[in-house]
N, C-alpha and C. Protein backbone atom coordinates (compact mmCIF):
# COMPACT_ATOMS: atom_id res chain seq x y z
N TRP A 1 -141.36 106.70 22.41
CA TRP A 1 -142.79 106.47 22.29
C TRP A 1 -143.40 106.66 23.65
N SER A 2 -144.48 107.33 23.70
CA SER A 2 -145.15 107.59 24.97
C SER A 2 -145.76 106.31 25.52
N SER A 3 -145.59 106.08 26.80
CA SER A 3 -146.20 104.90 27.41
C SER A 3 -147.71 105.05 27.53
N ASP A 4 -148.20 106.26 27.33
CA ASP A 4 -149.64 106.50 27.43
C ASP A 4 -150.40 106.04 26.19
N VAL A 5 -149.71 105.93 25.09
CA VAL A 5 -150.36 105.55 23.84
C VAL A 5 -149.54 104.44 23.20
N CYS A 6 -150.18 103.35 22.87
CA CYS A 6 -149.49 102.28 22.16
C CYS A 6 -150.19 102.04 20.83
N SER A 7 -149.54 101.29 19.96
CA SER A 7 -150.07 101.11 18.61
C SER A 7 -151.47 100.50 18.60
N SER A 8 -151.79 99.66 19.58
CA SER A 8 -153.12 99.05 19.59
C SER A 8 -154.22 100.08 19.85
N ASP A 9 -153.85 101.23 20.45
CA ASP A 9 -154.83 102.29 20.68
C ASP A 9 -155.32 102.91 19.38
N LEU A 10 -154.58 102.75 18.30
CA LEU A 10 -154.93 103.39 17.04
C LEU A 10 -155.86 102.56 16.17
N LEU A 11 -156.16 101.36 16.59
CA LEU A 11 -157.00 100.50 15.77
C LEU A 11 -158.41 101.02 15.60
N ASP A 12 -158.88 101.82 16.52
CA ASP A 12 -160.23 102.36 16.40
C ASP A 12 -160.25 103.80 15.90
N HIS A 13 -159.09 104.37 15.62
CA HIS A 13 -158.98 105.72 15.05
C HIS A 13 -159.66 106.80 15.89
N THR A 14 -159.74 106.65 17.21
CA THR A 14 -160.39 107.71 18.00
C THR A 14 -159.59 109.00 17.91
N LYS A 15 -160.30 110.09 17.92
CA LYS A 15 -159.69 111.41 17.77
C LYS A 15 -158.64 111.65 18.85
N ALA A 16 -158.94 111.32 20.09
CA ALA A 16 -158.00 111.56 21.19
C ALA A 16 -156.70 110.77 20.99
N ASP A 17 -156.82 109.50 20.60
CA ASP A 17 -155.64 108.67 20.38
C ASP A 17 -154.82 109.19 19.20
N VAL A 18 -155.49 109.54 18.12
CA VAL A 18 -154.79 110.05 16.94
C VAL A 18 -154.06 111.34 17.29
N LEU A 19 -154.71 112.23 18.02
CA LEU A 19 -154.06 113.49 18.40
C LEU A 19 -152.87 113.25 19.31
N ALA A 20 -152.96 112.29 20.19
CA ALA A 20 -151.84 111.98 21.09
C ALA A 20 -150.64 111.46 20.29
N VAL A 21 -150.89 110.53 19.38
CA VAL A 21 -149.79 109.99 18.58
C VAL A 21 -149.23 111.06 17.65
N ALA A 22 -150.11 111.82 17.01
CA ALA A 22 -149.66 112.89 16.11
C ALA A 22 -148.82 113.91 16.86
N GLY A 23 -149.20 114.24 18.08
CA GLY A 23 -148.41 115.17 18.89
C GLY A 23 -147.01 114.65 19.14
N TYR A 24 -146.90 113.37 19.40
CA TYR A 24 -145.58 112.76 19.59
C TYR A 24 -144.79 112.77 18.29
N ILE A 25 -145.42 112.37 17.20
CA ILE A 25 -144.74 112.27 15.90
C ILE A 25 -144.20 113.64 15.47
N GLU A 26 -144.90 114.70 15.82
CA GLU A 26 -144.42 116.05 15.47
C GLU A 26 -143.06 116.36 16.07
N THR A 27 -142.67 115.65 17.10
CA THR A 27 -141.37 115.88 17.73
C THR A 27 -140.28 115.00 17.14
N GLN A 28 -140.62 114.18 16.16
CA GLN A 28 -139.70 113.21 15.58
C GLN A 28 -139.51 113.46 14.09
N LYS A 29 -138.53 112.81 13.52
CA LYS A 29 -138.36 112.83 12.05
C LYS A 29 -139.05 111.59 11.51
N LYS A 30 -140.38 111.57 11.64
CA LYS A 30 -141.18 110.43 11.21
C LYS A 30 -142.45 110.95 10.54
N LEU A 31 -143.12 110.07 9.82
CA LEU A 31 -144.43 110.38 9.26
C LEU A 31 -145.46 109.49 9.94
N PHE A 32 -146.64 110.03 10.14
CA PHE A 32 -147.74 109.28 10.75
C PHE A 32 -148.95 109.42 9.85
N GLY A 33 -149.52 108.29 9.48
CA GLY A 33 -150.73 108.29 8.68
C GLY A 33 -151.88 107.69 9.46
N THR A 34 -153.03 108.30 9.32
CA THR A 34 -154.23 107.78 9.95
C THR A 34 -155.38 107.92 8.97
N SER A 35 -156.47 107.27 9.28
CA SER A 35 -157.66 107.43 8.45
C SER A 35 -158.86 107.65 9.36
N SER A 36 -159.92 108.12 8.75
CA SER A 36 -161.14 108.39 9.51
C SER A 36 -162.35 108.09 8.65
N GLN A 37 -163.34 107.45 9.25
CA GLN A 37 -164.60 107.25 8.55
C GLN A 37 -165.68 108.19 9.08
N ASP A 38 -165.25 109.15 9.88
CA ASP A 38 -166.15 110.16 10.42
C ASP A 38 -166.66 111.04 9.27
N SER A 39 -167.96 111.03 9.05
CA SER A 39 -168.54 111.81 7.95
C SER A 39 -168.32 113.31 8.12
N HIS A 40 -167.96 113.74 9.32
CA HIS A 40 -167.70 115.17 9.53
C HIS A 40 -166.44 115.62 8.77
N VAL A 41 -165.54 114.69 8.47
CA VAL A 41 -164.34 115.03 7.68
C VAL A 41 -164.75 115.55 6.32
N ILE A 42 -165.81 115.00 5.76
CA ILE A 42 -166.24 115.41 4.41
C ILE A 42 -167.47 116.32 4.47
N GLY A 43 -167.68 116.92 5.61
CA GLY A 43 -168.80 117.83 5.79
C GLY A 43 -168.37 119.17 6.34
N SER A 44 -169.33 120.02 6.61
CA SER A 44 -169.03 121.38 7.07
C SER A 44 -168.70 121.44 8.57
N GLN A 45 -168.94 120.36 9.30
CA GLN A 45 -168.65 120.35 10.73
C GLN A 45 -167.14 120.53 10.97
N THR A 46 -166.82 120.99 12.16
CA THR A 46 -165.41 121.24 12.48
C THR A 46 -164.96 120.51 13.75
N ASP A 47 -165.65 119.44 14.09
CA ASP A 47 -165.29 118.68 15.29
C ASP A 47 -164.57 117.38 14.97
N ASP A 48 -164.07 117.25 13.75
CA ASP A 48 -163.44 116.01 13.30
C ASP A 48 -161.92 116.07 13.48
N VAL A 49 -161.28 114.92 13.33
CA VAL A 49 -159.84 114.80 13.53
C VAL A 49 -159.06 115.58 12.47
N ALA A 50 -159.53 115.61 11.24
CA ALA A 50 -158.81 116.35 10.20
C ALA A 50 -158.77 117.84 10.51
N THR A 51 -159.89 118.38 10.94
CA THR A 51 -159.93 119.80 11.31
C THR A 51 -158.98 120.08 12.45
N ALA A 52 -158.97 119.20 13.45
CA ALA A 52 -158.10 119.39 14.62
C ALA A 52 -156.63 119.35 14.23
N LEU A 53 -156.25 118.37 13.41
CA LEU A 53 -154.85 118.26 12.99
C LEU A 53 -154.44 119.45 12.12
N HIS A 54 -155.34 119.88 11.24
CA HIS A 54 -155.05 121.03 10.39
C HIS A 54 -154.91 122.30 11.23
N ALA A 55 -155.77 122.46 12.21
CA ALA A 55 -155.69 123.64 13.08
C ALA A 55 -154.37 123.68 13.84
N LEU A 56 -153.84 122.51 14.16
CA LEU A 56 -152.55 122.43 14.85
C LEU A 56 -151.37 122.58 13.88
N ASN A 57 -151.67 122.62 12.58
CA ASN A 57 -150.67 122.78 11.54
C ASN A 57 -149.62 121.67 11.58
N TYR A 58 -150.07 120.46 11.88
CA TYR A 58 -149.15 119.33 11.99
C TYR A 58 -148.54 119.00 10.63
N SER A 59 -147.23 118.91 10.60
CA SER A 59 -146.50 118.74 9.34
C SER A 59 -145.91 117.34 9.16
N ARG A 60 -146.32 116.39 10.02
CA ARG A 60 -145.82 115.03 9.91
C ARG A 60 -146.94 114.00 9.95
N THR A 61 -148.17 114.46 9.88
CA THR A 61 -149.34 113.57 9.98
C THR A 61 -150.27 113.81 8.81
N PHE A 62 -150.75 112.71 8.22
CA PHE A 62 -151.77 112.84 7.19
C PHE A 62 -153.01 112.07 7.60
N VAL A 63 -154.15 112.54 7.09
CA VAL A 63 -155.44 111.91 7.32
C VAL A 63 -156.01 111.50 5.97
N LEU A 64 -156.52 110.28 5.91
CA LEU A 64 -157.18 109.79 4.70
C LEU A 64 -158.62 109.44 5.07
N TYR A 65 -159.58 110.14 4.46
CA TYR A 65 -160.98 109.79 4.70
C TYR A 65 -161.29 108.51 3.97
N SER A 66 -161.97 107.59 4.67
CA SER A 66 -162.44 106.35 4.05
C SER A 66 -163.64 105.87 4.83
N SER A 67 -164.71 105.56 4.12
CA SER A 67 -165.92 105.08 4.81
C SER A 67 -165.70 103.72 5.46
N SER A 68 -164.61 103.04 5.13
CA SER A 68 -164.30 101.75 5.74
C SER A 68 -163.00 101.78 6.54
N ALA A 69 -162.66 102.94 7.06
CA ALA A 69 -161.38 103.12 7.76
C ALA A 69 -161.17 102.15 8.91
N ASP A 70 -162.21 101.90 9.69
CA ASP A 70 -162.04 101.08 10.88
C ASP A 70 -161.95 99.58 10.59
N SER A 71 -162.21 99.17 9.36
CA SER A 71 -162.10 97.75 9.05
C SER A 71 -160.98 97.44 8.05
N VAL A 72 -160.50 98.45 7.34
CA VAL A 72 -159.52 98.21 6.29
C VAL A 72 -158.16 98.88 6.57
N TRP A 73 -158.15 99.96 7.30
CA TRP A 73 -156.94 100.76 7.58
C TRP A 73 -156.24 101.17 6.28
N PRO A 74 -156.91 102.01 5.50
CA PRO A 74 -156.35 102.40 4.20
C PRO A 74 -155.04 103.16 4.31
N GLU A 75 -154.79 103.79 5.44
CA GLU A 75 -153.52 104.49 5.62
C GLU A 75 -152.34 103.51 5.52
N ALA A 76 -152.55 102.28 6.02
CA ALA A 76 -151.50 101.26 5.93
C ALA A 76 -151.28 100.85 4.48
N ALA A 77 -152.35 100.75 3.71
CA ALA A 77 -152.21 100.42 2.29
C ALA A 77 -151.44 101.52 1.56
N TRP A 78 -151.73 102.77 1.91
CA TRP A 78 -151.06 103.90 1.26
C TRP A 78 -149.59 103.95 1.64
N LEU A 79 -149.29 103.78 2.93
CA LEU A 79 -147.90 103.74 3.37
C LEU A 79 -147.17 102.57 2.71
N GLY A 80 -147.81 101.42 2.66
CA GLY A 80 -147.21 100.25 2.03
C GLY A 80 -146.96 100.43 0.55
N ARG A 81 -147.81 101.20 -0.08
CA ARG A 81 -147.65 101.50 -1.51
C ARG A 81 -146.51 102.49 -1.75
N MET A 82 -146.36 103.47 -0.86
CA MET A 82 -145.44 104.57 -1.13
C MET A 82 -144.05 104.46 -0.49
N LEU A 83 -143.96 103.91 0.71
CA LEU A 83 -142.66 103.90 1.38
C LEU A 83 -141.59 103.08 0.67
N PRO A 84 -141.94 102.02 -0.06
CA PRO A 84 -140.89 101.31 -0.81
C PRO A 84 -140.31 102.12 -1.98
N THR A 85 -140.99 103.16 -2.43
CA THR A 85 -140.46 103.97 -3.52
C THR A 85 -139.31 104.82 -3.01
N GLY A 86 -138.37 105.09 -3.88
CA GLY A 86 -137.25 105.95 -3.50
C GLY A 86 -137.72 107.37 -3.24
N VAL A 87 -137.02 108.04 -2.36
CA VAL A 87 -137.35 109.43 -2.04
C VAL A 87 -137.23 110.26 -3.31
N GLY A 88 -138.25 111.04 -3.60
CA GLY A 88 -138.26 111.89 -4.79
C GLY A 88 -138.70 111.19 -6.06
N GLU A 89 -139.01 109.90 -5.98
CA GLU A 89 -139.40 109.16 -7.18
C GLU A 89 -140.90 109.17 -7.45
N ALA A 90 -141.70 109.56 -6.47
CA ALA A 90 -143.15 109.48 -6.67
C ALA A 90 -143.87 110.48 -5.77
N THR A 91 -144.99 110.96 -6.28
CA THR A 91 -145.88 111.75 -5.44
C THR A 91 -146.90 110.80 -4.82
N TRP A 92 -147.57 111.25 -3.80
CA TRP A 92 -148.55 110.40 -3.10
C TRP A 92 -149.96 110.57 -3.69
N LYS A 93 -150.11 111.41 -4.67
CA LYS A 93 -151.39 111.64 -5.34
C LYS A 93 -151.56 110.67 -6.50
N PHE A 94 -152.79 110.34 -6.80
CA PHE A 94 -153.14 109.46 -7.92
C PHE A 94 -152.61 108.04 -7.76
N LYS A 95 -152.62 107.52 -6.52
CA LYS A 95 -152.15 106.16 -6.29
C LYS A 95 -153.32 105.24 -5.99
N THR A 96 -153.30 104.06 -6.59
CA THR A 96 -154.31 103.04 -6.35
C THR A 96 -153.87 102.19 -5.17
N LEU A 97 -154.79 101.93 -4.24
CA LEU A 97 -154.48 101.18 -3.03
C LEU A 97 -155.06 99.78 -3.11
N VAL A 98 -154.26 98.80 -2.83
CA VAL A 98 -154.68 97.41 -2.86
C VAL A 98 -155.53 97.11 -1.63
N GLY A 99 -156.68 96.48 -1.85
CA GLY A 99 -157.55 96.06 -0.75
C GLY A 99 -158.43 97.14 -0.16
N VAL A 100 -158.46 98.30 -0.79
CA VAL A 100 -159.25 99.42 -0.28
C VAL A 100 -160.29 99.80 -1.33
N VAL A 101 -161.54 99.91 -0.90
CA VAL A 101 -162.62 100.32 -1.79
C VAL A 101 -162.71 101.84 -1.76
N SER A 102 -162.78 102.45 -2.92
CA SER A 102 -162.88 103.91 -2.98
C SER A 102 -164.28 104.37 -2.58
N ASP A 103 -164.38 105.66 -2.28
CA ASP A 103 -165.66 106.27 -1.91
C ASP A 103 -166.14 107.16 -3.05
N ASN A 104 -167.41 107.00 -3.42
CA ASN A 104 -168.02 107.88 -4.41
C ASN A 104 -168.51 109.11 -3.66
N LEU A 105 -167.68 110.14 -3.66
CA LEU A 105 -168.00 111.36 -2.93
C LEU A 105 -168.41 112.47 -3.89
N SER A 106 -169.28 113.32 -3.43
CA SER A 106 -169.66 114.48 -4.23
C SER A 106 -168.49 115.46 -4.28
N GLY A 107 -168.53 116.34 -5.24
CA GLY A 107 -167.51 117.39 -5.32
C GLY A 107 -167.47 118.22 -4.06
N THR A 108 -168.63 118.46 -3.48
CA THR A 108 -168.71 119.25 -2.24
C THR A 108 -168.01 118.52 -1.10
N ALA A 109 -168.24 117.21 -0.98
CA ALA A 109 -167.60 116.42 0.08
C ALA A 109 -166.08 116.42 -0.10
N VAL A 110 -165.61 116.26 -1.33
CA VAL A 110 -164.17 116.29 -1.59
C VAL A 110 -163.60 117.65 -1.22
N ASN A 111 -164.32 118.72 -1.57
CA ASN A 111 -163.86 120.07 -1.24
C ASN A 111 -163.77 120.29 0.27
N TYR A 112 -164.76 119.79 1.03
CA TYR A 112 -164.70 119.90 2.48
C TYR A 112 -163.47 119.18 3.02
N ALA A 113 -163.24 117.95 2.56
CA ALA A 113 -162.07 117.19 3.02
C ALA A 113 -160.78 117.94 2.69
N GLN A 114 -160.67 118.41 1.47
CA GLN A 114 -159.46 119.08 1.04
C GLN A 114 -159.25 120.41 1.76
N SER A 115 -160.33 121.09 2.13
CA SER A 115 -160.18 122.34 2.88
C SER A 115 -159.63 122.09 4.28
N LYS A 116 -159.81 120.87 4.77
CA LYS A 116 -159.28 120.47 6.08
C LYS A 116 -157.95 119.76 5.94
N LYS A 117 -157.42 119.75 4.73
CA LYS A 117 -156.17 119.07 4.38
C LYS A 117 -156.23 117.58 4.67
N ALA A 118 -157.40 117.01 4.45
CA ALA A 118 -157.58 115.56 4.51
C ALA A 118 -157.52 115.02 3.09
N ASN A 119 -157.03 113.82 2.95
CA ASN A 119 -156.96 113.16 1.65
C ASN A 119 -158.18 112.27 1.49
N VAL A 120 -158.51 111.97 0.26
CA VAL A 120 -159.63 111.08 -0.04
C VAL A 120 -159.16 110.02 -1.03
N TYR A 121 -159.92 108.94 -1.09
CA TYR A 121 -159.65 107.86 -2.05
C TYR A 121 -160.91 107.70 -2.87
N ILE A 122 -160.86 108.16 -4.11
CA ILE A 122 -162.05 108.27 -4.94
C ILE A 122 -161.78 107.76 -6.36
N PRO A 123 -162.85 107.38 -7.06
CA PRO A 123 -162.66 107.01 -8.46
C PRO A 123 -162.61 108.27 -9.33
N ILE A 124 -161.60 108.35 -10.16
CA ILE A 124 -161.49 109.44 -11.13
C ILE A 124 -161.21 108.80 -12.49
N GLY A 125 -162.07 109.03 -13.43
CA GLY A 125 -161.90 108.47 -14.76
C GLY A 125 -161.87 106.95 -14.76
N GLY A 126 -162.62 106.34 -13.86
CA GLY A 126 -162.69 104.90 -13.80
C GLY A 126 -161.55 104.23 -13.04
N VAL A 127 -160.68 105.03 -12.43
CA VAL A 127 -159.55 104.48 -11.67
C VAL A 127 -159.64 105.01 -10.24
N ASP A 128 -159.51 104.11 -9.27
CA ASP A 128 -159.51 104.51 -7.87
C ASP A 128 -158.15 105.10 -7.51
N VAL A 129 -158.14 106.35 -7.02
CA VAL A 129 -156.88 107.03 -6.73
C VAL A 129 -156.96 107.86 -5.45
N THR A 130 -155.79 108.09 -4.88
CA THR A 130 -155.68 108.98 -3.73
C THR A 130 -155.60 110.41 -4.21
N SER A 131 -156.04 111.28 -3.35
CA SER A 131 -155.98 112.70 -3.64
C SER A 131 -155.94 113.41 -2.29
N GLU A 132 -155.16 114.27 -2.02
CA GLU A 132 -154.19 115.09 -2.69
C GLU A 132 -152.74 114.72 -2.36
N GLY A 133 -152.51 113.90 -1.37
CA GLY A 133 -151.16 113.56 -0.96
C GLY A 133 -150.54 114.60 -0.05
N VAL A 134 -151.38 115.16 0.87
CA VAL A 134 -150.88 116.22 1.74
C VAL A 134 -150.93 115.82 3.21
N LEU A 135 -150.10 116.51 3.97
CA LEU A 135 -150.11 116.40 5.43
C LEU A 135 -151.12 117.39 5.99
N ALA A 136 -151.39 117.31 7.26
CA ALA A 136 -152.39 118.18 7.88
C ALA A 136 -152.03 119.66 7.73
N SER A 137 -150.76 119.96 7.61
CA SER A 137 -150.31 121.34 7.42
C SER A 137 -150.60 121.86 6.01
N GLY A 138 -150.82 120.94 5.07
CA GLY A 138 -151.02 121.31 3.68
C GLY A 138 -149.79 121.03 2.83
N GLU A 139 -148.65 120.74 3.46
CA GLU A 139 -147.44 120.40 2.71
C GLU A 139 -147.62 119.02 2.09
N PHE A 140 -147.02 118.81 0.94
CA PHE A 140 -147.09 117.50 0.30
C PHE A 140 -146.24 116.49 1.06
N ILE A 141 -146.75 115.27 1.16
CA ILE A 141 -146.06 114.22 1.91
C ILE A 141 -144.69 113.97 1.30
N ASP A 142 -144.60 113.92 -0.03
CA ASP A 142 -143.32 113.62 -0.66
C ASP A 142 -142.29 114.72 -0.43
N VAL A 143 -142.71 115.95 -0.28
CA VAL A 143 -141.78 117.05 -0.01
C VAL A 143 -141.16 116.88 1.38
N THR A 144 -141.99 116.58 2.36
CA THR A 144 -141.48 116.38 3.72
C THR A 144 -140.56 115.17 3.78
N ARG A 145 -140.93 114.13 3.09
CA ARG A 145 -140.08 112.93 3.05
C ARG A 145 -138.73 113.26 2.41
N PHE A 146 -138.72 114.06 1.36
CA PHE A 146 -137.46 114.45 0.73
C PHE A 146 -136.62 115.32 1.66
N ILE A 147 -137.23 116.27 2.33
CA ILE A 147 -136.48 117.14 3.24
C ILE A 147 -135.82 116.31 4.35
N ASP A 148 -136.54 115.33 4.87
CA ASP A 148 -135.96 114.44 5.89
C ASP A 148 -134.77 113.67 5.32
N TRP A 149 -134.94 113.14 4.10
CA TRP A 149 -133.84 112.42 3.45
C TRP A 149 -132.63 113.33 3.26
N LEU A 150 -132.87 114.54 2.79
CA LEU A 150 -131.78 115.48 2.52
C LEU A 150 -131.01 115.79 3.80
N GLN A 151 -131.73 116.07 4.87
CA GLN A 151 -131.06 116.38 6.13
C GLN A 151 -130.25 115.19 6.64
N LEU A 152 -130.84 114.02 6.65
CA LEU A 152 -130.15 112.82 7.12
C LEU A 152 -128.93 112.51 6.26
N THR A 153 -129.07 112.60 4.96
CA THR A 153 -127.97 112.29 4.05
C THR A 153 -126.85 113.32 4.20
N MET A 154 -127.21 114.59 4.32
CA MET A 154 -126.22 115.65 4.50
C MET A 154 -125.43 115.42 5.78
N GLU A 155 -126.14 115.17 6.87
CA GLU A 155 -125.48 114.93 8.16
C GLU A 155 -124.56 113.71 8.07
N SER A 156 -125.04 112.66 7.45
CA SER A 156 -124.27 111.42 7.33
C SER A 156 -123.02 111.62 6.49
N ASN A 157 -123.13 112.32 5.37
CA ASN A 157 -121.99 112.55 4.50
C ASN A 157 -120.93 113.42 5.17
N ILE A 158 -121.35 114.45 5.87
CA ILE A 158 -120.38 115.32 6.55
C ILE A 158 -119.75 114.57 7.72
N TYR A 159 -120.54 113.85 8.47
CA TYR A 159 -120.00 113.07 9.59
C TYR A 159 -118.98 112.05 9.10
N SER A 160 -119.30 111.37 8.01
CA SER A 160 -118.38 110.38 7.44
C SER A 160 -117.05 111.04 7.06
N LEU A 161 -117.13 112.22 6.49
CA LEU A 161 -115.92 112.97 6.15
C LEU A 161 -115.08 113.26 7.40
N LEU A 162 -115.75 113.74 8.44
CA LEU A 162 -115.05 114.10 9.67
C LEU A 162 -114.42 112.88 10.35
N VAL A 163 -115.14 111.78 10.36
CA VAL A 163 -114.67 110.56 11.02
C VAL A 163 -113.53 109.91 10.25
N ASN A 164 -113.58 109.98 8.93
CA ASN A 164 -112.59 109.28 8.10
C ASN A 164 -111.41 110.15 7.67
N SER A 165 -111.32 111.34 8.22
CA SER A 165 -110.20 112.22 7.91
C SER A 165 -109.35 112.42 9.16
N GLN A 166 -108.04 112.48 8.96
CA GLN A 166 -107.17 112.78 10.10
C GLN A 166 -107.50 114.16 10.65
N LYS A 167 -107.68 115.11 9.74
CA LYS A 167 -108.00 116.47 10.13
C LYS A 167 -108.54 117.22 8.92
N ILE A 168 -109.56 117.98 9.14
CA ILE A 168 -110.04 118.90 8.12
C ILE A 168 -109.76 120.28 8.69
N PRO A 169 -108.77 120.95 8.14
CA PRO A 169 -108.36 122.23 8.72
C PRO A 169 -109.43 123.31 8.53
N PHE A 170 -109.42 124.26 9.44
CA PHE A 170 -110.33 125.40 9.36
C PHE A 170 -109.68 126.46 8.48
N THR A 171 -109.52 126.08 7.21
CA THR A 171 -108.92 126.95 6.20
C THR A 171 -109.83 126.91 4.98
N ASN A 172 -109.51 127.70 3.97
CA ASN A 172 -110.31 127.68 2.75
C ASN A 172 -110.30 126.29 2.13
N LYS A 173 -109.16 125.61 2.16
CA LYS A 173 -109.06 124.27 1.60
C LYS A 173 -109.92 123.27 2.40
N GLY A 174 -109.88 123.38 3.72
CA GLY A 174 -110.67 122.48 4.56
C GLY A 174 -112.17 122.73 4.41
N ILE A 175 -112.52 123.98 4.36
CA ILE A 175 -113.93 124.33 4.18
C ILE A 175 -114.43 123.86 2.82
N ALA A 176 -113.56 123.89 1.82
CA ALA A 176 -113.93 123.40 0.48
C ALA A 176 -114.23 121.91 0.50
N VAL A 177 -113.55 121.16 1.36
CA VAL A 177 -113.82 119.73 1.49
C VAL A 177 -115.26 119.51 1.97
N ILE A 178 -115.65 120.26 2.99
CA ILE A 178 -117.02 120.19 3.52
C ILE A 178 -118.01 120.67 2.46
N GLU A 179 -117.67 121.76 1.81
CA GLU A 179 -118.54 122.31 0.77
C GLU A 179 -118.79 121.29 -0.34
N ASN A 180 -117.77 120.57 -0.74
CA ASN A 180 -117.93 119.56 -1.78
C ASN A 180 -118.90 118.46 -1.35
N ALA A 181 -118.82 118.06 -0.08
CA ALA A 181 -119.75 117.04 0.43
C ALA A 181 -121.19 117.58 0.41
N VAL A 182 -121.34 118.83 0.79
CA VAL A 182 -122.66 119.47 0.78
C VAL A 182 -123.20 119.54 -0.64
N ARG A 183 -122.37 120.01 -1.56
CA ARG A 183 -122.79 120.14 -2.97
C ARG A 183 -123.14 118.77 -3.57
N GLN A 184 -122.34 117.74 -3.23
CA GLN A 184 -122.62 116.41 -3.77
C GLN A 184 -123.96 115.89 -3.26
N THR A 185 -124.23 116.13 -1.99
CA THR A 185 -125.52 115.70 -1.42
C THR A 185 -126.67 116.41 -2.12
N LEU A 186 -126.53 117.71 -2.34
CA LEU A 186 -127.57 118.46 -3.04
C LEU A 186 -127.74 117.95 -4.47
N GLN A 187 -126.63 117.63 -5.12
CA GLN A 187 -126.70 117.10 -6.48
C GLN A 187 -127.38 115.75 -6.50
N ASP A 188 -127.09 114.90 -5.50
CA ASP A 188 -127.77 113.61 -5.39
C ASP A 188 -129.27 113.80 -5.22
N GLY A 189 -129.65 114.84 -4.48
CA GLY A 189 -131.07 115.14 -4.28
C GLY A 189 -131.75 115.57 -5.57
N VAL A 190 -131.03 116.28 -6.40
CA VAL A 190 -131.58 116.71 -7.69
C VAL A 190 -131.80 115.49 -8.56
């Protein structure tokens, strides 16, 4: 973690602080969620944090527009709602957040946010839900979370094999042992 930015710096959601943390998170196998109540996120302006993160094609950071972002921190509600779910068990779209009031946004405002790969929390059919469940790059949050799980699990399974074996020979039989661990991990992912 950079000594220049600490978690208390994110309480006000300033663009500079968010960009600094997002830049760091891009170098890690982590996800970073932030929110913004800047009306430029849902408008045609391009000086907002969502536009900046999208332009950088950040693949580990998501932005959630909320008119009450600085008092409620809806990103924490969304993370709290989703991280307890098993990897691959849920998408981040259409989720109701506890303690967060949705925004009645026009279709145009939603389109502006989505074009910047920002998420919104809006009522649809009488239910308050998140939309779209994407990172600043446009990739779905659940896809990135799964890829991280797959890599970590694959590495762990192969390492466990290597550590708990006297020797895995560099032969067809030895390679098959590694291949079986790889295939099992992929099957677990399915």
